[in-house]
Amino acid sequence: MKPEEDIKALLDRFTNIINGLKSCGKTYPNKEVVRKMLRSLPKAWEAKVTAIEETKNLKALSLDELIGSLLTHEIRIK
């Protein structure tokens, strides 16, 4: 995540990368996509990432649910 980026911009960039990889034949299971998204967040988001990892089942968490949670957190901190 770039310093000036918000979650929506990060998601757009992330989706473009994932779709590009799919077009090259590389696919990731949902669990890996969620983990990659969490790892892409900056240090300032570490507490939220930890909370998600501890309270959610990452195997069952969809990318949409994760983005919803991150958007809600972003709105609260702004």
C-alpha atoms as a PDB file:
ATOM      1  CA  MET A   1       0.000   0.000   0.000  1.00  0.00           C
ATOM      2  CA  LYS A   2       1.362   3.384  -0.965  1.00  0.00           C
ATOM      3  CA  PRO A   3       1.334   6.112   1.712  1.00  0.00           C
ATOM      4  CA  GLU A   4      -1.254   8.238  -0.112  1.00  0.00           C
ATOM      5  CA  GLU A   5      -3.478   5.303  -1.066  1.00  0.00           C
ATOM      6  CA  ASP A   6      -6.795   4.447   0.496  1.00  0.00           C
ATOM      7  CA  ILE A   7      -8.279   0.944   0.684  1.00  0.00           C
ATOM      8  CA  LYS A   8     -10.301   1.426  -2.522  1.00  0.00           C
ATOM      9  CA  ALA A   9      -7.179   2.372  -4.518  1.00  0.00           C
ATOM     10  CA  LEU A  10      -5.263  -0.538  -3.001  1.00  0.00           C
ATOM     11  CA  LEU A  11      -8.075  -2.925  -3.918  1.00  0.00           C
ATOM     12  CA  ASP A  12      -8.145  -1.636  -7.507  1.00  0.00           C
ATOM     13  CA  ARG A  13      -4.383  -2.145  -7.892  1.00  0.00           C
ATOM     14  CA  PHE A  14      -4.495  -5.519  -6.134  1.00  0.00           C
ATOM     15  CA  THR A  15      -7.364  -6.727  -8.342  1.00  0.00           C
ATOM     16  CA  ASN A  16      -5.500  -5.682 -11.485  1.00  0.00           C
ATOM     17  CA  ILE A  17      -2.460  -7.674 -10.383  1.00  0.00           C
ATOM     18  CA  ILE A  18      -4.502 -10.772  -9.483  1.00  0.00           C
ATOM     19  CA  ASN A  19      -6.435 -10.595 -12.776  1.00  0.00           C
ATOM     20  CA  GLY A  20      -3.194 -10.219 -14.710  1.00  0.00           C
ATOM     21  CA  LEU A  21      -1.805 -13.311 -13.022  1.00  0.00           C
ATOM     22  CA  LYS A  22      -5.022 -15.219 -13.797  1.00  0.00           C
ATOM     23  CA  SER A  23      -4.702 -14.327 -17.470  1.00  0.00           C
ATOM     24  CA  CYS A  24      -1.201 -15.848 -17.378  1.00  0.00           C
ATOM     25  CA  GLY A  25      -2.583 -19.045 -15.868  1.00  0.00           C
ATOM     26  CA  LYS A  26      -1.570 -18.412 -12.230  1.00  0.00           C
ATOM     27  CA  THR A  27      -4.422 -18.646  -9.749  1.00  0.00           C
ATOM     28  CA  TYR A  28      -4.461 -18.371  -5.994  1.00  0.00           C
ATOM     29  CA  PRO A  29      -6.956 -19.887  -3.567  1.00  0.00           C
ATOM     30  CA  ASN A  30      -9.074 -17.366  -1.645  1.00  0.00           C
ATOM     31  CA  LYS A  31      -7.061 -17.975   1.522  1.00  0.00           C
ATOM     32  CA  GLU A  32      -3.846 -16.888  -0.234  1.00  0.00           C
ATOM     33  CA  VAL A  33      -5.486 -13.814  -1.781  1.00  0.00           C
ATOM     34  CA  VAL A  34      -6.732 -12.710   1.664  1.00  0.00           C
ATOM     35  CA  ARG A  35      -3.298 -13.256   3.220  1.00  0.00           C
ATOM     36  CA  LYS A  36      -1.578 -11.335   0.423  1.00  0.00           C
ATOM     37  CA  MET A  37      -3.972  -8.420   0.897  1.00  0.00           C
ATOM     38  CA  LEU A  38      -3.309  -8.373   4.655  1.00  0.00           C
ATOM     39  CA  ARG A  39       0.457  -8.444   4.066  1.00  0.00           C
ATOM     40  CA  SER A  40       0.213  -5.492   1.690  1.00  0.00           C
ATOM     41  CA  LEU A  41      -1.094  -3.185   4.419  1.00  0.00           C
ATOM     42  CA  PRO A  42       1.346  -0.750   6.062  1.00  0.00           C
ATOM     43  CA  LYS A  43       2.604  -0.903   9.654  1.00  0.00           C
ATOM     44  CA  ALA A  44      -0.096   1.567  10.752  1.00  0.00           C
ATOM     45  CA  TRP A  45      -2.676  -1.134  10.015  1.00  0.00           C
ATOM     46  CA  GLU A  46      -0.876  -3.805  12.054  1.00  0.00           C
ATOM     47  CA  ALA A  47      -3.390  -3.751  14.930  1.00  0.00           C
ATOM     48  CA  LYS A  48      -6.317  -4.241  12.546  1.00  0.00           C
ATOM     49  CA  VAL A  49      -4.503  -7.022  10.676  1.00  0.00           C
ATOM     50  CA  THR A  50      -3.782  -8.799  13.962  1.00  0.00           C
ATOM     51  CA  ALA A  51      -7.407  -8.438  15.060  1.00  0.00           C
ATOM     52  CA  ILE A  52      -8.638  -9.919  11.778  1.00  0.00           C
ATOM     53  CA  GLU A  53      -6.158 -12.793  11.922  1.00  0.00           C
ATOM     54  CA  GLU A  54      -7.145 -13.635  15.493  1.00  0.00           C
ATOM     55  CA  THR A  55     -10.923 -13.306  15.181  1.00  0.00           C
ATOM     56  CA  LYS A  56     -11.662 -14.482  11.651  1.00  0.00           C
ATOM     57  CA  ASN A  57     -11.220 -17.852  10.006  1.00  0.00           C
ATOM     58  CA  LEU A  58      -8.923 -16.833   7.139  1.00  0.00           C
ATOM     59  CA  LYS A  59      -9.738 -20.035   5.261  1.00  0.00           C
ATOM     60  CA  ALA A  60     -13.401 -19.016   5.101  1.00  0.00           C
ATOM     61  CA  LEU A  61     -12.994 -15.214   4.930  1.00  0.00           C
ATOM     62  CA  SER A  62     -13.789 -13.872   1.472  1.00  0.00           C
ATOM     63  CA  LEU A  63     -11.936 -10.966  -0.065  1.00  0.00           C
ATOM     64  CA  ASP A  64     -15.200  -8.984  -0.091  1.00  0.00           C
ATOM     65  CA  GLU A  65     -15.662  -9.508   3.656  1.00  0.00           C
ATOM     66  CA  LEU A  66     -12.068  -8.469   4.279  1.00  0.00           C
ATOM     67  CA  ILE A  67     -12.438  -5.328   2.176  1.00  0.00           C
ATOM     68  CA  GLY A  68     -15.657  -4.455   3.998  1.00  0.00           C
ATOM     69  CA  SER A  69     -13.884  -4.741   7.326  1.00  0.00           C
ATOM     70  CA  LEU A  70     -10.929  -2.660   6.115  1.00  0.00           C
ATOM     71  CA  LEU A  71     -13.194   0.040   4.632  1.00  0.00           C
ATOM     72  CA  THR A  72     -15.125   0.267   7.898  1.00  0.00           C
ATOM     73  CA  HIS A  73     -11.884   0.638   9.843  1.00  0.00           C
ATOM     74  CA  GLU A  74     -10.603   3.270   7.410  1.00  0.00           C
ATOM     75  CA  ILE A  75     -13.784   5.321   7.851  1.00  0.00           C
ATOM     76  CA  ARG A  76     -13.458   5.120  11.638  1.00  0.00           C
ATOM     77  CA  ILE A  77      -9.849   6.293  11.683  1.00  0.00           C
ATOM     78  CA  LYS A  78     -10.608   9.229   9.383  1.00  0.00           C
END
